[in-house]
Amino acid sequence: MATCKDCKYITPSPTGDPSKGVCIQARSELPKTQKTSTAIKGKMVKKSDEACDKFEGGESWKNIKDLL
């Protein structure tokens, strides 16, 4: 079974903990009156957790330096 660390929606933990990450798969469309079109609701997860039904395989962000 796939784990969260294998999912393209996992990003590095803001705390720097290598065993955790933020899942950003929960997206919603905003009204056209907003400046941005999409809202992203992040959720802290353990990278070793079993992947949810929103799993999409891909290259997750391996390094916080990629964000800088």
C-alpha atoms as a PDB file:
ATOM      1  CA  MET A   1       0.000   0.000   0.000  1.00  0.00           C
ATOM      2  CA  ALA A   2       1.239   3.493  -0.803  1.00  0.00           C
ATOM      3  CA  THR A   3       2.106   5.899   1.978  1.00  0.00           C
ATOM      4  CA  CYS A   4       1.790   9.682   2.200  1.00  0.00           C
ATOM      5  CA  LYS A   5       5.489  10.144   1.428  1.00  0.00           C
ATOM      6  CA  ASP A   6       4.850   8.667  -2.051  1.00  0.00           C
ATOM      7  CA  CYS A   7       2.101  11.185  -2.856  1.00  0.00           C
ATOM      8  CA  LYS A   8       2.614  14.313  -4.945  1.00  0.00           C
ATOM      9  CA  TYR A   9       0.487  16.311  -2.474  1.00  0.00           C
ATOM     10  CA  ILE A  10       2.925  16.068   0.462  1.00  0.00           C
ATOM     11  CA  THR A  11       5.134  19.072   1.214  1.00  0.00           C
ATOM     12  CA  PRO A  12       7.819  19.486   3.892  1.00  0.00           C
ATOM     13  CA  SER A  13       6.754  20.053   7.471  1.00  0.00           C
ATOM     14  CA  PRO A  14       7.060  23.714   8.486  1.00  0.00           C
ATOM     15  CA  THR A  15       8.605  22.519  11.759  1.00  0.00           C
ATOM     16  CA  GLY A  16      11.470  20.799   9.922  1.00  0.00           C
ATOM     17  CA  ASP A  17      10.464  17.340  11.204  1.00  0.00           C
ATOM     18  CA  PRO A  18      11.546  14.909   8.436  1.00  0.00           C
ATOM     19  CA  SER A  19       8.945  12.303   9.504  1.00  0.00           C
ATOM     20  CA  LYS A  20       6.003  14.672   8.944  1.00  0.00           C
ATOM     21  CA  GLY A  21       4.678  16.734   6.096  1.00  0.00           C
ATOM     22  CA  VAL A  22       1.709  18.824   5.026  1.00  0.00           C
ATOM     23  CA  CYS A  23      -0.928  17.291   2.776  1.00  0.00           C
ATOM     24  CA  ILE A  24      -2.241  19.918   0.327  1.00  0.00           C
ATOM     25  CA  GLN A  25      -4.730  17.807  -1.647  1.00  0.00           C
ATOM     26  CA  ALA A  26      -7.800  19.571  -0.166  1.00  0.00           C
ATOM     27  CA  ARG A  27      -8.415  22.353  -2.684  1.00  0.00           C
ATOM     28  CA  SER A  28     -11.541  24.363  -3.301  1.00  0.00           C
ATOM     29  CA  GLU A  29     -12.564  26.861  -5.944  1.00  0.00           C
ATOM     30  CA  LEU A  30     -13.155  30.437  -4.788  1.00  0.00           C
ATOM     31  CA  PRO A  31     -15.727  32.868  -6.172  1.00  0.00           C
ATOM     32  CA  LYS A  32     -14.618  34.880  -9.201  1.00  0.00           C
ATOM     33  CA  THR A  33     -14.657  38.018  -7.036  1.00  0.00           C
ATOM     34  CA  GLN A  34     -11.507  36.783  -5.250  1.00  0.00           C
ATOM     35  CA  LYS A  35      -8.004  37.599  -6.512  1.00  0.00           C
ATOM     36  CA  THR A  36      -6.993  33.927  -6.485  1.00  0.00           C
ATOM     37  CA  SER A  37      -9.089  31.104  -7.883  1.00  0.00           C
ATOM     38  CA  THR A  38      -8.115  28.266  -5.527  1.00  0.00           C
ATOM     39  CA  ALA A  39      -7.858  27.840  -1.754  1.00  0.00           C
ATOM     40  CA  ILE A  40      -5.583  25.124  -0.353  1.00  0.00           C
ATOM     41  CA  LYS A  41      -6.279  23.652   3.069  1.00  0.00           C
ATOM     42  CA  GLY A  42      -3.148  21.974   4.443  1.00  0.00           C
ATOM     43  CA  LYS A  43      -3.220  19.135   6.971  1.00  0.00           C
ATOM     44  CA  MET A  44      -0.223  17.843   8.948  1.00  0.00           C
ATOM     45  CA  VAL A  45       0.353  14.117   8.364  1.00  0.00           C
ATOM     46  CA  LYS A  46       2.995  11.529   9.138  1.00  0.00           C
ATOM     47  CA  LYS A  47       4.818  10.558   5.953  1.00  0.00           C
ATOM     48  CA  SER A  48       4.497   6.898   6.956  1.00  0.00           C
ATOM     49  CA  ASP A  49       0.663   7.073   7.129  1.00  0.00           C
ATOM     50  CA  GLU A  50      -1.285   4.911   4.707  1.00  0.00           C
ATOM     51  CA  ALA A  51      -2.255   7.011   1.700  1.00  0.00           C
ATOM     52  CA  CYS A  52      -5.845   8.246   1.501  1.00  0.00           C
ATOM     53  CA  ASP A  53      -8.271   7.876  -1.403  1.00  0.00           C
ATOM     54  CA  LYS A  54      -6.982  11.173  -2.884  1.00  0.00           C
ATOM     55  CA  PHE A  55      -3.524   9.624  -3.430  1.00  0.00           C
ATOM     56  CA  GLU A  56      -1.708  10.522  -6.620  1.00  0.00           C
ATOM     57  CA  GLY A  57       1.736   9.106  -7.136  1.00  0.00           C
ATOM     58  CA  GLY A  58       4.446  11.510  -8.082  1.00  0.00           C
ATOM     59  CA  GLU A  59       7.493  13.374  -6.932  1.00  0.00           C
ATOM     60  CA  SER A  60       6.767  14.818  -3.481  1.00  0.00           C
ATOM     61  CA  TRP A  61       8.854  17.759  -2.312  1.00  0.00           C
ATOM     62  CA  LYS A  62      11.872  16.168  -0.715  1.00  0.00           C
ATOM     63  CA  ASN A  63      13.658  19.244   0.588  1.00  0.00           C
ATOM     64  CA  ILE A  64      12.469  22.430   2.308  1.00  0.00           C
ATOM     65  CA  LYS A  65      15.159  24.294   0.301  1.00  0.00           C
ATOM     66  CA  ASP A  66      13.018  23.720  -2.805  1.00  0.00           C
ATOM     67  CA  LEU A  67      10.517  26.165  -1.329  1.00  0.00           C
ATOM     68  CA  LEU A  68      12.998  29.005  -0.824  1.00  0.00           C
END
